[in-house]
Amino acid sequence: MLSRALTLTYDTELYPFQKVLSHYVFKVRRLDQLHVAWRRQNNREKLHYQDNMTLRRLMQRLPDDSPFYKVYHAWIAAVLAPCYGGKISYSAHPKMRVHLAGTGCVSDFHRDADVTGRLDQINCYLPFTDVFETATVWCEAGYGSNRYQPLNLKYGEALLWDGGLLKHGTFPNQTDHTRVSCDFRFKAKAPDRVASPWRDVLADRQPAEKMEL
């Protein structure tokens, strides 16, 4: 795992993301087997990139008062924000992700800061299934290294890391598990209240004058 990245753990009974998405959004028994239900529903064996996008939109279009967002904002307030002085600015609508088993790449390799222009944000990778091997995001082991490793997590874990300047993306999902996850960026509103190791997630960056956006 990345040297400055931090893994948060939480109680999935208190914050039942998987149960909410399985029941209210996808209506499946097992979220990591979403590809099986989707194949059956569409009466075809081969799935494609667009299938991922179609299922992702079901999540992205959830209303603000949906069960998912109630759990999401409660999780932010009780699990993440206390690590950063109790107050953070964060994405009210995270980027939803679906990567069905047997489908190709769903994200080219990139650095978020090249898109956002922001160097002050920390990334949070919050999976709703176990994520591993090619059923997860792969990230540079070090800045500019072009050596990649999988961000392996269990459901009930979230990763805080520097997606702004570490290149990351996906490979074709060659596992028999579907990844369902979200990711978002945040920053502390009172950084002087943040203690180590939470304040150190971005600490291995090069001096600002060497950063190229």
N, C-alpha and C. Protein backbone atom coordinates (compact mmCIF):
# COMPACT_ATOMS: atom_id res chain seq x y z
N MET A 1 0.85 -1.19 0.00
CA MET A 1 0.00 0.00 0.00
C MET A 1 0.88 1.24 0.00
N LEU A 2 0.37 2.37 -0.39
CA LEU A 2 1.13 3.60 -0.50
C LEU A 2 1.64 4.04 0.87
N SER A 3 2.83 4.65 0.88
CA SER A 3 3.50 4.93 2.16
C SER A 3 2.71 5.88 3.06
N ARG A 4 2.09 6.90 2.51
CA ARG A 4 1.37 7.89 3.33
C ARG A 4 -0.14 7.66 3.34
N ALA A 5 -0.60 6.70 2.57
CA ALA A 5 -2.04 6.43 2.53
C ALA A 5 -2.50 5.87 3.88
N LEU A 6 -3.73 6.15 4.22
CA LEU A 6 -4.30 5.70 5.49
C LEU A 6 -5.60 4.95 5.23
N THR A 7 -5.79 3.87 5.98
CA THR A 7 -7.01 3.08 5.84
C THR A 7 -7.91 3.32 7.05
N LEU A 8 -9.11 3.77 6.78
CA LEU A 8 -10.14 3.90 7.82
C LEU A 8 -10.97 2.62 7.84
N THR A 9 -11.34 2.18 9.03
CA THR A 9 -12.26 1.06 9.15
C THR A 9 -13.53 1.55 9.84
N TYR A 10 -14.65 0.94 9.51
CA TYR A 10 -15.92 1.36 10.10
C TYR A 10 -16.87 0.18 10.20
N ASP A 11 -17.91 0.36 10.97
CA ASP A 11 -18.91 -0.68 11.24
C ASP A 11 -19.94 -0.68 10.10
N THR A 12 -19.99 -1.76 9.34
CA THR A 12 -20.92 -1.83 8.21
C THR A 12 -22.36 -2.05 8.64
N GLU A 13 -22.57 -2.36 9.90
CA GLU A 13 -23.94 -2.42 10.41
C GLU A 13 -24.47 -1.02 10.67
N LEU A 14 -23.59 -0.15 11.13
CA LEU A 14 -23.99 1.24 11.36
C LEU A 14 -24.10 2.02 10.06
N TYR A 15 -23.24 1.68 9.10
CA TYR A 15 -23.20 2.38 7.81
C TYR A 15 -23.32 1.32 6.70
N PRO A 16 -24.54 0.84 6.46
CA PRO A 16 -24.76 -0.33 5.60
C PRO A 16 -24.84 0.01 4.11
N PHE A 17 -23.78 0.58 3.57
CA PHE A 17 -23.77 0.95 2.15
C PHE A 17 -24.17 -0.22 1.25
N GLN A 18 -23.55 -1.35 1.48
CA GLN A 18 -23.79 -2.51 0.62
C GLN A 18 -25.25 -2.93 0.66
N LYS A 19 -25.81 -2.99 1.83
CA LYS A 19 -27.21 -3.41 1.97
C LYS A 19 -28.15 -2.41 1.29
N VAL A 20 -27.87 -1.13 1.43
CA VAL A 20 -28.71 -0.09 0.82
C VAL A 20 -28.66 -0.19 -0.70
N LEU A 21 -27.46 -0.33 -1.26
CA LEU A 21 -27.33 -0.39 -2.71
C LEU A 21 -27.91 -1.69 -3.27
N SER A 22 -27.69 -2.79 -2.57
CA SER A 22 -28.23 -4.06 -3.04
C SER A 22 -29.75 -4.04 -3.07
N HIS A 23 -30.36 -3.49 -2.03
CA HIS A 23 -31.81 -3.54 -1.88
C HIS A 23 -32.52 -2.45 -2.67
N TYR A 24 -32.05 -1.20 -2.53
CA TYR A 24 -32.79 -0.07 -3.09
C TYR A 24 -32.42 0.29 -4.52
N VAL A 25 -31.19 -0.03 -4.93
CA VAL A 25 -30.73 0.41 -6.25
C VAL A 25 -30.67 -0.75 -7.24
N PHE A 26 -29.93 -1.78 -6.91
CA PHE A 26 -29.70 -2.85 -7.89
C PHE A 26 -30.61 -4.07 -7.71
N LYS A 27 -31.20 -4.20 -6.53
CA LYS A 27 -32.14 -5.29 -6.25
C LYS A 27 -31.50 -6.65 -6.53
N VAL A 28 -30.34 -6.85 -5.92
CA VAL A 28 -29.62 -8.12 -6.02
C VAL A 28 -29.27 -8.60 -4.61
N ARG A 29 -29.01 -9.87 -4.49
CA ARG A 29 -28.65 -10.43 -3.19
C ARG A 29 -27.19 -10.13 -2.85
N ARG A 30 -26.32 -10.24 -3.84
CA ARG A 30 -24.89 -10.00 -3.62
C ARG A 30 -24.40 -8.93 -4.58
N LEU A 31 -23.90 -7.86 -4.03
CA LEU A 31 -23.45 -6.73 -4.85
C LEU A 31 -22.24 -7.12 -5.71
N ASP A 32 -21.36 -7.95 -5.18
CA ASP A 32 -20.17 -8.32 -5.95
C ASP A 32 -20.48 -9.31 -7.07
N GLN A 33 -21.73 -9.79 -7.13
CA GLN A 33 -22.16 -10.67 -8.22
C GLN A 33 -23.19 -9.96 -9.11
N LEU A 34 -23.13 -8.64 -9.13
CA LEU A 34 -24.04 -7.84 -9.94
C LEU A 34 -23.96 -8.23 -11.42
N HIS A 35 -22.79 -8.62 -11.88
CA HIS A 35 -22.63 -9.01 -13.28
C HIS A 35 -23.49 -10.22 -13.65
N VAL A 36 -23.68 -11.13 -12.70
CA VAL A 36 -24.49 -12.33 -12.96
C VAL A 36 -25.95 -11.93 -13.19
N ALA A 37 -26.46 -11.08 -12.30
CA ALA A 37 -27.85 -10.62 -12.43
C ALA A 37 -28.03 -9.79 -13.70
N TRP A 38 -27.03 -8.98 -14.03
CA TRP A 38 -27.14 -8.11 -15.20
C TRP A 38 -27.12 -8.93 -16.49
N ARG A 39 -26.29 -9.97 -16.54
CA ARG A 39 -26.29 -10.85 -17.70
C ARG A 39 -27.65 -11.52 -17.88
N ARG A 40 -28.19 -12.01 -16.78
CA ARG A 40 -29.49 -12.69 -16.83
C ARG A 40 -30.58 -11.72 -17.27
N GLN A 41 -30.56 -10.52 -16.73
CA GLN A 41 -31.59 -9.53 -17.05
C GLN A 41 -31.55 -9.14 -18.53
N ASN A 42 -30.35 -9.10 -19.10
CA ASN A 42 -30.19 -8.67 -20.50
C ASN A 42 -30.08 -9.83 -21.47
N ASN A 43 -30.13 -11.04 -20.93
CA ASN A 43 -30.11 -12.26 -21.75
C ASN A 43 -28.90 -12.31 -22.69
N ARG A 44 -27.73 -12.01 -22.12
CA ARG A 44 -26.50 -12.12 -22.90
C ARG A 44 -25.34 -12.39 -21.95
N GLU A 45 -24.35 -13.08 -22.46
CA GLU A 45 -23.19 -13.46 -21.65
C GLU A 45 -22.13 -12.38 -21.63
N LYS A 46 -21.90 -11.72 -22.76
CA LYS A 46 -20.83 -10.74 -22.87
C LYS A 46 -21.29 -9.37 -22.40
N LEU A 47 -20.54 -8.78 -21.49
CA LEU A 47 -20.84 -7.43 -21.01
C LEU A 47 -19.76 -6.47 -21.50
N HIS A 48 -20.11 -5.19 -21.56
CA HIS A 48 -19.22 -4.20 -22.16
C HIS A 48 -19.10 -2.96 -21.27
N TYR A 49 -18.27 -2.04 -21.71
CA TYR A 49 -18.05 -0.78 -21.00
C TYR A 49 -19.36 -0.07 -20.72
N GLN A 50 -20.26 -0.04 -21.71
CA GLN A 50 -21.50 0.70 -21.54
C GLN A 50 -22.38 0.12 -20.45
N ASP A 51 -22.27 -1.18 -20.19
CA ASP A 51 -23.02 -1.78 -19.09
C ASP A 51 -22.59 -1.17 -17.75
N ASN A 52 -21.29 -0.96 -17.60
CA ASN A 52 -20.80 -0.30 -16.40
C ASN A 52 -21.37 1.10 -16.25
N MET A 53 -21.42 1.83 -17.35
CA MET A 53 -21.91 3.20 -17.31
C MET A 53 -23.41 3.25 -17.00
N THR A 54 -24.15 2.31 -17.56
CA THR A 54 -25.60 2.25 -17.31
C THR A 54 -25.87 2.01 -15.83
N LEU A 55 -25.16 1.08 -15.23
CA LEU A 55 -25.37 0.77 -13.82
C LEU A 55 -24.84 1.89 -12.93
N ARG A 56 -23.76 2.51 -13.33
CA ARG A 56 -23.22 3.64 -12.59
C ARG A 56 -24.22 4.79 -12.53
N ARG A 57 -24.93 5.01 -13.63
CA ARG A 57 -25.91 6.11 -13.66
C ARG A 57 -27.04 5.88 -12.66
N LEU A 58 -27.39 4.64 -12.41
CA LEU A 58 -28.42 4.36 -11.40
C LEU A 58 -28.02 4.91 -10.04
N MET A 59 -26.74 4.82 -9.74
CA MET A 59 -26.22 5.36 -8.49
C MET A 59 -26.07 6.87 -8.56
N GLN A 60 -25.55 7.36 -9.68
CA GLN A 60 -25.26 8.79 -9.80
C GLN A 60 -26.53 9.63 -9.75
N ARG A 61 -27.66 9.04 -10.14
CA ARG A 61 -28.92 9.79 -10.19
C ARG A 61 -29.75 9.66 -8.91
N LEU A 62 -29.21 9.06 -7.89
CA LEU A 62 -29.96 8.94 -6.64
C LEU A 62 -30.29 10.32 -6.08
N PRO A 63 -31.50 10.52 -5.60
CA PRO A 63 -31.86 11.83 -5.03
C PRO A 63 -31.17 12.08 -3.70
N ASP A 64 -31.07 13.33 -3.34
CA ASP A 64 -30.36 13.70 -2.11
C ASP A 64 -30.98 13.10 -0.85
N ASP A 65 -32.28 12.81 -0.89
CA ASP A 65 -32.94 12.24 0.29
C ASP A 65 -33.00 10.71 0.24
N SER A 66 -32.25 10.09 -0.64
CA SER A 66 -32.25 8.63 -0.76
C SER A 66 -31.56 8.00 0.45
N PRO A 67 -31.83 6.74 0.73
CA PRO A 67 -31.15 6.05 1.83
C PRO A 67 -29.63 6.07 1.69
N PHE A 68 -29.14 5.98 0.46
CA PHE A 68 -27.69 6.00 0.29
C PHE A 68 -27.09 7.29 0.82
N TYR A 69 -27.64 8.44 0.45
CA TYR A 69 -27.05 9.70 0.86
C TYR A 69 -27.21 9.95 2.36
N LYS A 70 -28.24 9.40 2.96
CA LYS A 70 -28.36 9.50 4.42
C LYS A 70 -27.20 8.78 5.10
N VAL A 71 -26.87 7.59 4.59
CA VAL A 71 -25.74 6.83 5.14
C VAL A 71 -24.42 7.54 4.83
N TYR A 72 -24.29 8.02 3.61
CA TYR A 72 -23.04 8.66 3.18
C TYR A 72 -22.70 9.88 4.04
N HIS A 73 -23.66 10.77 4.23
CA HIS A 73 -23.38 11.98 5.01
C HIS A 73 -23.18 11.65 6.49
N ALA A 74 -23.87 10.66 7.00
CA ALA A 74 -23.66 10.23 8.38
C ALA A 74 -22.25 9.65 8.54
N TRP A 75 -21.80 8.89 7.54
CA TRP A 75 -20.45 8.32 7.58
C TRP A 75 -19.40 9.42 7.56
N ILE A 76 -19.58 10.41 6.70
CA ILE A 76 -18.65 11.54 6.66
C ILE A 76 -18.54 12.20 8.02
N ALA A 77 -19.69 12.48 8.63
CA ALA A 77 -19.71 13.22 9.89
C ALA A 77 -19.11 12.43 11.05
N ALA A 78 -19.35 11.12 11.08
CA ALA A 78 -18.94 10.33 12.24
C ALA A 78 -17.62 9.61 12.08
N VAL A 79 -17.22 9.30 10.84
CA VAL A 79 -16.02 8.49 10.62
C VAL A 79 -14.86 9.32 10.06
N LEU A 80 -15.11 10.11 9.01
CA LEU A 80 -14.03 10.84 8.37
C LEU A 80 -13.74 12.19 9.01
N ALA A 81 -14.76 13.01 9.19
CA ALA A 81 -14.53 14.39 9.66
C ALA A 81 -13.79 14.46 11.00
N PRO A 82 -14.06 13.58 11.98
CA PRO A 82 -13.33 13.67 13.25
C PRO A 82 -11.81 13.54 13.10
N CYS A 83 -11.35 12.89 12.06
CA CYS A 83 -9.91 12.76 11.83
C CYS A 83 -9.30 14.09 11.37
N TYR A 84 -10.14 15.01 10.91
CA TYR A 84 -9.69 16.28 10.33
C TYR A 84 -10.29 17.48 11.06
N GLY A 85 -10.27 17.40 12.37
CA GLY A 85 -10.71 18.53 13.18
C GLY A 85 -12.20 18.71 13.27
N GLY A 86 -12.96 17.75 12.74
CA GLY A 86 -14.41 17.79 12.86
C GLY A 86 -15.13 18.51 11.74
N LYS A 87 -14.39 19.26 10.91
CA LYS A 87 -15.03 20.01 9.83
C LYS A 87 -14.22 19.86 8.55
N ILE A 88 -14.89 19.39 7.50
CA ILE A 88 -14.23 19.26 6.20
C ILE A 88 -15.17 19.78 5.12
N SER A 89 -14.60 20.19 4.01
CA SER A 89 -15.38 20.42 2.80
C SER A 89 -15.20 19.18 1.94
N TYR A 90 -16.28 18.68 1.38
CA TYR A 90 -16.20 17.42 0.64
C TYR A 90 -17.27 17.37 -0.43
N SER A 91 -17.15 16.41 -1.31
CA SER A 91 -18.10 16.27 -2.41
C SER A 91 -19.43 15.75 -1.89
N ALA A 92 -20.46 16.55 -2.04
CA ALA A 92 -21.79 16.11 -1.61
C ALA A 92 -22.30 14.97 -2.48
N HIS A 93 -21.81 14.92 -3.72
CA HIS A 93 -22.19 13.85 -4.64
C HIS A 93 -20.91 13.19 -5.14
N PRO A 94 -20.50 12.10 -4.51
CA PRO A 94 -19.25 11.44 -4.92
C PRO A 94 -19.38 10.83 -6.30
N LYS A 95 -18.23 10.50 -6.89
CA LYS A 95 -18.22 9.79 -8.16
C LYS A 95 -18.53 8.32 -7.90
N MET A 96 -19.60 7.84 -8.49
CA MET A 96 -19.99 6.44 -8.33
C MET A 96 -19.26 5.59 -9.37
N ARG A 97 -18.92 4.37 -8.98
CA ARG A 97 -18.17 3.49 -9.87
C ARG A 97 -18.76 2.08 -9.88
N VAL A 98 -18.85 1.50 -11.07
CA VAL A 98 -19.19 0.09 -11.24
C VAL A 98 -18.20 -0.49 -12.24
N HIS A 99 -17.58 -1.60 -11.88
CA HIS A 99 -16.68 -2.30 -12.79
C HIS A 99 -17.06 -3.78 -12.77
N LEU A 100 -17.88 -4.16 -13.73
CA LEU A 100 -18.41 -5.52 -13.79
C LEU A 100 -17.32 -6.53 -14.12
N ALA A 101 -17.43 -7.69 -13.50
CA ALA A 101 -16.50 -8.78 -13.82
C ALA A 101 -16.55 -9.08 -15.31
N GLY A 102 -15.37 -9.26 -15.90
CA GLY A 102 -15.30 -9.61 -17.31
C GLY A 102 -15.36 -8.45 -18.27
N THR A 103 -15.37 -7.22 -17.76
CA THR A 103 -15.41 -6.05 -18.66
C THR A 103 -14.05 -5.35 -18.66
N GLY A 104 -13.84 -4.51 -19.67
CA GLY A 104 -12.55 -3.85 -19.86
C GLY A 104 -12.32 -2.70 -18.91
N CYS A 105 -11.27 -1.94 -19.19
CA CYS A 105 -10.89 -0.78 -18.38
C CYS A 105 -12.05 0.22 -18.30
N VAL A 106 -12.26 0.80 -17.11
CA VAL A 106 -13.30 1.82 -16.96
C VAL A 106 -12.72 3.19 -16.63
N SER A 107 -11.40 3.28 -16.52
CA SER A 107 -10.77 4.57 -16.24
C SER A 107 -9.35 4.57 -16.76
N ASP A 108 -9.04 5.48 -17.68
CA ASP A 108 -7.66 5.61 -18.14
C ASP A 108 -6.78 6.14 -17.02
N PHE A 109 -5.48 5.92 -17.12
CA PHE A 109 -4.57 6.38 -16.08
C PHE A 109 -4.40 7.90 -16.16
N HIS A 110 -4.49 8.54 -14.98
CA HIS A 110 -4.50 10.00 -14.93
C HIS A 110 -4.16 10.47 -13.52
N ARG A 111 -3.93 11.76 -13.36
CA ARG A 111 -3.80 12.42 -12.06
C ARG A 111 -4.99 13.37 -11.93
N ASP A 112 -5.65 13.36 -10.80
CA ASP A 112 -6.84 14.20 -10.65
C ASP A 112 -6.53 15.68 -10.78
N ALA A 113 -5.38 16.11 -10.29
CA ALA A 113 -5.05 17.53 -10.32
C ALA A 113 -4.91 18.07 -11.74
N ASP A 114 -4.61 17.18 -12.69
CA ASP A 114 -4.53 17.61 -14.09
C ASP A 114 -5.90 18.00 -14.62
N VAL A 115 -6.94 17.46 -13.99
CA VAL A 115 -8.32 17.77 -14.38
C VAL A 115 -8.89 18.90 -13.54
N THR A 116 -8.68 18.81 -12.21
CA THR A 116 -9.31 19.77 -11.30
C THR A 116 -8.49 21.04 -11.10
N GLY A 117 -7.16 20.95 -11.29
CA GLY A 117 -6.30 22.09 -10.99
C GLY A 117 -6.11 22.31 -9.50
N ARG A 118 -6.59 21.37 -8.67
CA ARG A 118 -6.52 21.51 -7.21
C ARG A 118 -5.39 20.66 -6.65
N LEU A 119 -4.55 21.27 -5.81
CA LEU A 119 -3.46 20.55 -5.15
C LEU A 119 -3.70 20.38 -3.66
N ASP A 120 -4.83 20.87 -3.18
CA ASP A 120 -5.06 20.92 -1.73
C ASP A 120 -6.00 19.82 -1.23
N GLN A 121 -6.40 18.91 -2.10
CA GLN A 121 -7.41 17.93 -1.71
C GLN A 121 -6.85 16.54 -1.52
N ILE A 122 -7.45 15.82 -0.59
CA ILE A 122 -7.14 14.41 -0.34
C ILE A 122 -8.24 13.57 -0.99
N ASN A 123 -7.87 12.44 -1.54
CA ASN A 123 -8.85 11.52 -2.12
C ASN A 123 -9.29 10.49 -1.10
N CYS A 124 -10.56 10.13 -1.18
CA CYS A 124 -11.09 9.03 -0.38
C CYS A 124 -11.69 8.00 -1.33
N TYR A 125 -11.22 6.79 -1.24
CA TYR A 125 -11.71 5.65 -2.02
C TYR A 125 -12.54 4.79 -1.08
N LEU A 126 -13.85 4.73 -1.34
CA LEU A 126 -14.80 4.07 -0.44
C LEU A 126 -15.52 2.95 -1.20
N PRO A 127 -15.03 1.71 -1.08
CA PRO A 127 -15.66 0.61 -1.81
C PRO A 127 -16.83 0.00 -1.04
N PHE A 128 -17.79 -0.51 -1.79
CA PHE A 128 -18.97 -1.16 -1.20
C PHE A 128 -18.94 -2.67 -1.42
N THR A 129 -17.85 -3.15 -1.98
CA THR A 129 -17.54 -4.57 -2.11
C THR A 129 -16.07 -4.73 -1.76
N ASP A 130 -15.61 -5.94 -1.53
CA ASP A 130 -14.17 -6.16 -1.46
C ASP A 130 -13.57 -5.80 -2.81
N VAL A 131 -12.43 -5.12 -2.81
CA VAL A 131 -11.79 -4.72 -4.07
C VAL A 131 -10.35 -5.22 -4.05
N PHE A 132 -9.93 -5.84 -5.15
CA PHE A 132 -8.64 -6.51 -5.17
C PHE A 132 -8.26 -6.83 -6.62
N GLU A 133 -6.98 -7.12 -6.82
CA GLU A 133 -6.45 -7.51 -8.12
C GLU A 133 -6.95 -6.55 -9.21
N THR A 134 -7.57 -7.07 -10.26
CA THR A 134 -8.04 -6.19 -11.33
C THR A 134 -9.46 -5.67 -11.08
N ALA A 135 -10.02 -6.01 -9.95
CA ALA A 135 -11.34 -5.47 -9.57
C ALA A 135 -11.16 -4.32 -8.60
N THR A 136 -10.15 -3.49 -8.87
CA THR A 136 -9.92 -2.30 -8.05
C THR A 136 -9.15 -1.27 -8.87
N VAL A 137 -8.88 -0.13 -8.25
CA VAL A 137 -8.05 0.91 -8.85
C VAL A 137 -6.58 0.53 -8.65
N TRP A 138 -5.76 0.83 -9.65
CA TRP A 138 -4.31 0.66 -9.53
C TRP A 138 -3.67 2.04 -9.48
N CYS A 139 -2.62 2.16 -8.65
CA CYS A 139 -2.00 3.47 -8.42
C CYS A 139 -0.48 3.36 -8.45
N GLU A 140 0.16 4.46 -8.85
CA GLU A 140 1.61 4.52 -8.81
C GLU A 140 2.12 4.26 -7.39
N ALA A 141 3.20 3.50 -7.29
CA ALA A 141 3.80 3.24 -5.99
C ALA A 141 4.49 4.49 -5.45
N GLY A 142 4.91 5.38 -6.34
CA GLY A 142 5.54 6.64 -5.95
C GLY A 142 5.33 7.66 -7.04
N TYR A 143 5.50 8.93 -6.72
CA TYR A 143 5.25 10.00 -7.68
C TYR A 143 6.13 9.85 -8.92
N GLY A 144 5.47 9.74 -10.08
CA GLY A 144 6.19 9.64 -11.34
C GLY A 144 6.88 8.31 -11.59
N SER A 145 6.61 7.31 -10.77
CA SER A 145 7.33 6.04 -10.88
C SER A 145 6.86 5.20 -12.06
N ASN A 146 5.59 5.35 -12.43
CA ASN A 146 4.98 4.50 -13.47
C ASN A 146 5.05 3.02 -13.11
N ARG A 147 5.17 2.71 -11.85
CA ARG A 147 5.06 1.35 -11.32
C ARG A 147 3.76 1.29 -10.53
N TYR A 148 2.89 0.40 -10.89
CA TYR A 148 1.53 0.41 -10.36
C TYR A 148 1.24 -0.78 -9.46
N GLN A 149 0.38 -0.52 -8.48
CA GLN A 149 -0.04 -1.56 -7.55
C GLN A 149 -1.53 -1.42 -7.30
N PRO A 150 -2.20 -2.54 -6.99
CA PRO A 150 -3.64 -2.46 -6.75
C PRO A 150 -3.95 -1.89 -5.37
N LEU A 151 -5.00 -1.11 -5.28
CA LEU A 151 -5.47 -0.61 -4.00
C LEU A 151 -6.48 -1.62 -3.45
N ASN A 152 -5.97 -2.58 -2.69
CA ASN A 152 -6.79 -3.68 -2.16
C ASN A 152 -7.44 -3.28 -0.84
N LEU A 153 -8.74 -3.41 -0.77
CA LEU A 153 -9.48 -3.07 0.44
C LEU A 153 -10.61 -4.06 0.65
N LYS A 154 -11.03 -4.19 1.90
CA LYS A 154 -12.21 -4.97 2.24
C LYS A 154 -13.40 -4.03 2.40
N TYR A 155 -14.60 -4.56 2.16
CA TYR A 155 -15.79 -3.77 2.50
C TYR A 155 -15.75 -3.48 4.00
N GLY A 156 -15.95 -2.21 4.34
CA GLY A 156 -15.77 -1.77 5.72
C GLY A 156 -14.48 -1.00 5.91
N GLU A 157 -13.76 -0.78 4.79
CA GLU A 157 -12.54 0.03 4.81
C GLU A 157 -12.65 1.14 3.77
N ALA A 158 -11.93 2.22 4.01
CA ALA A 158 -11.83 3.33 3.06
C ALA A 158 -10.39 3.80 3.05
N LEU A 159 -9.92 4.22 1.89
CA LEU A 159 -8.52 4.62 1.74
C LEU A 159 -8.43 6.12 1.51
N LEU A 160 -7.57 6.79 2.29
CA LEU A 160 -7.25 8.21 2.12
C LEU A 160 -5.88 8.27 1.45
N TRP A 161 -5.79 8.95 0.31
CA TRP A 161 -4.55 8.90 -0.47
C TRP A 161 -4.46 10.10 -1.40
N ASP A 162 -3.31 10.24 -2.06
CA ASP A 162 -3.06 11.40 -2.91
C ASP A 162 -3.37 11.07 -4.37
N GLY A 163 -4.65 11.06 -4.70
CA GLY A 163 -5.05 10.86 -6.09
C GLY A 163 -4.82 12.09 -6.95
N GLY A 164 -4.50 13.21 -6.31
CA GLY A 164 -4.23 14.42 -7.06
C GLY A 164 -2.98 14.32 -7.91
N LEU A 165 -1.91 13.75 -7.33
CA LEU A 165 -0.63 13.73 -8.03
C LEU A 165 -0.05 12.34 -8.24
N LEU A 166 -0.72 11.31 -7.76
CA LEU A 166 -0.32 9.94 -8.07
C LEU A 166 -1.20 9.43 -9.20
N LYS A 167 -0.56 9.00 -10.26
CA LYS A 167 -1.32 8.52 -11.42
C LYS A 167 -2.04 7.22 -11.07
N HIS A 168 -3.28 7.10 -11.53
CA HIS A 168 -4.08 5.92 -11.20
C HIS A 168 -5.10 5.66 -12.30
N GLY A 169 -5.59 4.43 -12.33
CA GLY A 169 -6.56 4.03 -13.34
C GLY A 169 -6.92 2.56 -13.14
N THR A 170 -7.49 1.94 -14.15
CA THR A 170 -7.93 0.55 -14.02
C THR A 170 -7.44 -0.29 -15.19
N PHE A 171 -7.48 -1.60 -14.96
CA PHE A 171 -7.23 -2.60 -15.99
C PHE A 171 -8.52 -3.37 -16.22
N PRO A 172 -8.62 -4.15 -17.28
CA PRO A 172 -9.79 -5.01 -17.47
C PRO A 172 -10.00 -5.89 -16.23
N ASN A 173 -11.24 -5.99 -15.79
CA ASN A 173 -11.56 -6.78 -14.60
C ASN A 173 -11.60 -8.26 -14.96
N GLN A 174 -10.54 -8.97 -14.63
CA GLN A 174 -10.41 -10.37 -14.96
C GLN A 174 -10.78 -11.28 -13.79
N THR A 175 -11.34 -10.72 -12.72
CA THR A 175 -11.80 -11.51 -11.60
C THR A 175 -13.26 -11.93 -11.84
N ASP A 176 -13.79 -12.69 -10.90
CA ASP A 176 -15.21 -13.05 -10.98
C ASP A 176 -16.03 -12.23 -9.98
N HIS A 177 -15.51 -11.04 -9.62
CA HIS A 177 -16.19 -10.14 -8.69
C HIS A 177 -16.37 -8.77 -9.34
N THR A 178 -17.53 -8.22 -9.16
CA THR A 178 -17.81 -6.85 -9.60
C THR A 178 -17.39 -5.88 -8.50
N ARG A 179 -16.77 -4.78 -8.91
CA ARG A 179 -16.47 -3.69 -7.96
C ARG A 179 -17.58 -2.66 -8.02
N VAL A 180 -18.13 -2.29 -6.87
CA VAL A 180 -19.03 -1.15 -6.73
C VAL A 180 -18.42 -0.26 -5.66
N SER A 181 -18.23 1.01 -5.97
CA SER A 181 -17.53 1.90 -5.05
C SER A 181 -17.89 3.34 -5.34
N CYS A 182 -17.37 4.22 -4.51
CA CYS A 182 -17.43 5.65 -4.83
C CYS A 182 -16.10 6.26 -4.43
N ASP A 183 -15.83 7.43 -4.92
CA ASP A 183 -14.64 8.17 -4.51
C ASP A 183 -14.96 9.65 -4.53
N PHE A 184 -14.26 10.37 -3.69
CA PHE A 184 -14.48 11.82 -3.59
C PHE A 184 -13.23 12.47 -3.03
N ARG A 185 -13.18 13.80 -3.12
CA ARG A 185 -12.06 14.57 -2.61
C ARG A 185 -12.55 15.48 -1.48
N PHE A 186 -11.64 15.78 -0.56
CA PHE A 186 -12.02 16.62 0.58
C PHE A 186 -10.80 17.37 1.09
N LYS A 187 -11.05 18.36 1.96
CA LYS A 187 -9.98 19.07 2.65
C LYS A 187 -10.48 19.53 4.00
N ALA A 188 -9.58 19.67 4.95
CA ALA A 188 -9.92 20.14 6.28
C ALA A 188 -10.20 21.63 6.25
N LYS A 189 -11.24 22.05 6.98
CA LYS A 189 -11.54 23.48 7.08
C LYS A 189 -10.64 24.18 8.10
N ALA A 190 -10.11 23.39 9.04
CA ALA A 190 -9.20 23.94 10.05
C ALA A 190 -7.95 23.06 10.11
N PRO A 191 -7.07 23.17 9.12
CA PRO A 191 -5.92 22.26 9.04
C PRO A 191 -5.01 22.30 10.26
N ASP A 192 -5.00 23.41 11.00
CA ASP A 192 -4.15 23.49 12.18
C ASP A 192 -4.62 22.57 13.29
N ARG A 193 -5.85 22.08 13.20
CA ARG A 193 -6.38 21.16 14.20
C ARG A 193 -6.12 19.69 13.86
N VAL A 194 -5.51 19.46 12.71
CA VAL A 194 -5.34 18.08 12.25
C VAL A 194 -3.98 17.55 12.70
N ALA A 195 -4.00 16.40 13.35
CA ALA A 195 -2.77 15.78 13.86
C ALA A 195 -2.26 14.73 12.88
N SER A 196 -1.01 14.34 13.08
CA SER A 196 -0.46 13.21 12.32
C SER A 196 -1.17 11.93 12.80
N PRO A 197 -1.35 10.96 11.92
CA PRO A 197 -0.86 10.88 10.54
C PRO A 197 -1.80 11.48 9.51
N TRP A 198 -2.97 11.99 9.96
CA TRP A 198 -4.00 12.44 9.01
C TRP A 198 -3.54 13.61 8.18
N ARG A 199 -2.75 14.49 8.78
CA ARG A 199 -2.29 15.68 8.04
C ARG A 199 -1.14 15.36 7.08
N ASP A 200 -0.63 14.11 7.12
CA ASP A 200 0.57 13.77 6.38
C ASP A 200 0.30 13.03 5.07
N VAL A 201 -0.96 12.87 4.69
CA VAL A 201 -1.29 12.08 3.50
C VAL A 201 -0.60 12.63 2.25
N LEU A 202 -0.45 13.95 2.16
CA LEU A 202 0.16 14.58 0.99
C LEU A 202 1.63 14.95 1.22
N ALA A 203 2.20 14.50 2.33
CA ALA A 203 3.51 15.01 2.77
C ALA A 203 4.68 14.56 1.92
N ASP A 204 4.55 13.51 1.12
CA ASP A 204 5.68 13.03 0.32
C ASP A 204 5.76 13.70 -1.05
N ARG A 205 4.94 14.69 -1.29
CA ARG A 205 5.01 15.41 -2.56
C ARG A 205 6.33 16.15 -2.70
N GLN A 206 6.72 16.39 -3.94
CA GLN A 206 7.91 17.19 -4.21
C GLN A 206 7.60 18.65 -3.88
N PRO A 207 8.64 19.49 -3.79
CA PRO A 207 8.40 20.93 -3.58
C PRO A 207 7.46 21.48 -4.65
N ALA A 208 6.66 22.43 -4.28
CA ALA A 208 5.62 22.95 -5.17
C ALA A 208 6.16 23.39 -6.52
N GLU A 209 7.38 23.95 -6.53
CA GLU A 209 7.90 24.48 -7.80
C GLU A 209 8.24 23.34 -8.78
N LYS A 210 8.31 22.11 -8.30
CA LYS A 210 8.63 21.00 -9.19
C LYS A 210 7.37 20.29 -9.69
N MET A 211 6.22 20.69 -9.17
CA MET A 211 4.98 20.07 -9.61
C MET A 211 4.59 20.60 -10.97
N GLU A 212 4.24 19.72 -11.85
CA GLU A 212 3.81 20.12 -13.19
C GLU A 212 2.37 19.72 -13.40
N LEU A 213 1.51 20.71 -13.58
CA LEU A 213 0.08 20.44 -13.81
C LEU A 213 -0.25 20.70 -15.27
